[in-house]
Protein backbone atom coordinates (compact mmCIF):
# COMPACT_ATOMS: atom_id res chain seq x y z
CA MET A 1 0.00 0.00 0.00
CA ILE A 2 1.22 3.48 -0.85
CA ASP A 3 1.51 5.83 2.12
CA HIS A 4 1.64 9.08 0.16
CA LEU A 5 2.43 10.62 -3.21
CA ASN A 6 4.22 13.94 -3.76
CA ILE A 7 4.23 15.64 -7.15
CA GLY A 8 6.20 18.68 -8.22
CA VAL A 9 4.12 21.51 -9.66
CA SER A 10 5.09 24.69 -11.47
CA ASP A 11 2.77 26.96 -9.44
CA VAL A 12 1.80 25.79 -5.96
CA ALA A 13 -0.94 28.42 -5.52
CA ALA A 14 -2.64 27.55 -8.82
CA SER A 15 -2.37 23.82 -8.18
CA ARG A 16 -3.61 24.20 -4.62
CA ALA A 17 -6.70 26.06 -5.84
CA PHE A 18 -7.34 23.37 -8.47
CA TYR A 19 -6.92 20.41 -6.10
CA GLU A 20 -8.86 22.00 -3.23
CA ARG A 21 -11.89 22.29 -5.46
CA ALA A 22 -11.48 19.16 -7.58
CA LEU A 23 -10.87 16.83 -4.64
CA SER A 24 -13.51 18.29 -2.33
CA PRO A 25 -16.26 15.90 -3.51
CA LEU A 26 -13.95 13.04 -2.52
CA GLY A 27 -13.63 14.40 1.01
CA TYR A 28 -10.07 15.67 0.53
CA VAL A 29 -9.02 18.87 2.28
CA VAL A 30 -5.75 20.65 2.95
CA LEU A 31 -4.33 19.04 6.07
CA MET A 32 -0.82 20.49 5.99
CA ASP A 33 0.57 23.68 4.49
CA ARG A 34 4.34 23.82 4.68
CA PRO A 35 6.97 25.98 2.97
CA TYR A 36 7.88 23.00 0.78
CA GLY A 37 4.34 22.00 -0.18
CA VAL A 38 0.71 21.32 0.56
CA GLY A 39 -0.67 18.01 1.84
CA PHE A 40 -4.21 16.92 1.00
CA GLY A 41 -6.04 14.04 2.61
CA ARG A 42 -8.99 12.67 4.51
CA ASP A 43 -9.47 11.57 8.09
CA GLY A 44 -6.48 13.58 9.31
CA LYS A 45 -3.83 11.95 7.08
CA PRO A 46 -2.28 13.77 4.13
CA ASP A 47 -1.59 11.24 1.39
CA PHE A 48 -1.41 13.50 -1.66
CA TRP A 49 1.15 16.31 -1.75
CA ILE A 50 2.03 19.06 -4.20
CA SER A 51 5.44 20.71 -3.91
CA ASP A 52 7.36 23.63 -5.33
CA ARG A 53 9.97 21.65 -7.24
CA PRO A 54 10.48 20.54 -10.84
CA THR A 55 7.27 19.18 -12.28
CA SER A 56 6.82 15.44 -12.00
CA GLY A 57 4.73 14.91 -15.07
CA PRO A 58 2.81 14.62 -16.94
CA LEU A 59 1.57 11.72 -14.86
CA HIS A 60 -1.69 9.96 -14.09
CA VAL A 61 -3.11 9.74 -10.57
CA ALA A 62 -6.46 8.16 -9.75
CA PHE A 63 -8.48 8.79 -6.59
CA ALA A 64 -10.95 6.21 -5.30
CA SER A 65 -14.54 7.36 -5.25
CA PRO A 66 -17.31 5.79 -3.17
CA ASP A 67 -19.85 6.01 -6.00
CA ARG A 68 -20.61 7.29 -9.48
CA ALA A 69 -22.28 10.50 -8.29
CA THR A 70 -19.04 11.49 -6.57
CA VAL A 71 -17.09 10.81 -9.79
CA ASP A 72 -19.51 13.14 -11.58
CA ALA A 73 -19.04 15.81 -8.89
CA PHE A 74 -15.24 15.49 -9.07
CA HIS A 75 -15.29 16.07 -12.83
CA ARG A 76 -17.66 19.03 -12.55
CA GLU A 77 -15.53 20.67 -9.83
CA ALA A 78 -12.24 19.95 -11.61
CA LEU A 79 -13.47 21.73 -14.73
CA ALA A 80 -14.92 24.60 -12.68
CA ALA A 81 -11.48 24.95 -11.03
CA GLY A 82 -9.84 25.47 -14.43
CA GLY A 83 -8.97 21.87 -15.24
CA ARG A 84 -9.27 20.66 -18.81
CA ASP A 85 -11.57 17.80 -19.69
CA ASN A 86 -9.67 14.59 -20.45
CA GLY A 87 -12.61 12.17 -20.31
CA ALA A 88 -16.17 12.79 -19.22
CA PRO A 89 -17.70 10.62 -16.49
CA GLY A 90 -18.73 7.24 -17.78
CA LEU A 91 -18.20 3.52 -17.89
CA ARG A 92 -14.85 2.24 -19.12
CA PRO A 93 -15.75 -1.41 -19.88
CA ALA A 94 -12.33 -2.03 -21.43
CA TYR A 95 -10.96 -1.88 -17.85
CA HIS A 96 -13.80 -3.93 -16.32
CA PRO A 97 -17.61 -3.91 -16.64
CA SER A 98 -18.36 -1.56 -13.72
CA TYR A 99 -15.32 0.76 -13.98
CA TYR A 100 -16.77 4.29 -13.87
CA GLY A 101 -14.26 7.11 -14.15
CA ALA A 102 -13.73 10.72 -15.13
CA PHE A 103 -10.52 12.52 -16.07
CA ALA A 104 -9.29 16.12 -15.94
CA LEU A 105 -5.93 17.70 -16.63
CA ASP A 106 -4.53 19.81 -13.80
CA PRO A 107 -2.63 23.11 -14.37
CA ASP A 108 0.56 21.17 -15.24
CA GLY A 109 -1.15 18.71 -17.57
CA ASN A 110 -1.29 15.80 -15.14
CA ASN A 111 -4.17 13.41 -15.78
CA VAL A 112 -6.26 13.34 -12.59
CA GLU A 113 -8.99 10.74 -12.29
CA ALA A 114 -11.77 9.80 -9.91
CA VAL A 115 -12.96 6.20 -10.21
CA ALA A 116 -15.73 4.08 -8.70
CA HIS A 117 -15.58 0.31 -9.17
CA GLY A 118 -19.01 -0.71 -7.90
CA PRO A 119 -22.23 -1.20 -9.77
CA ALA A 120 -24.61 1.69 -10.42
């Protein structure tokens, strides 16, 4: 199991604003704000970090969603936060029959996904 992920971003303030809004439907909030970066997480544990260092991407990171409605909300908020659409919410049966995901590109072009694996 992965404890945390830290990605380098070109503009911490812009990325923070994007991730605060895009990840809010998933229950993620800023848990730590340090000179070297910002830690997002749930339940008191930051497991996703952005840092002021050379960009890490483009890369793909997927966040687990409890249901399809939350995937939809993630996509809506990511686009409202300035993200670029990289795949509207929907089934991805090539992955498996109930794979429901949505994709948005963050300010650095990283492919950010929310995915629910359960049935509708």
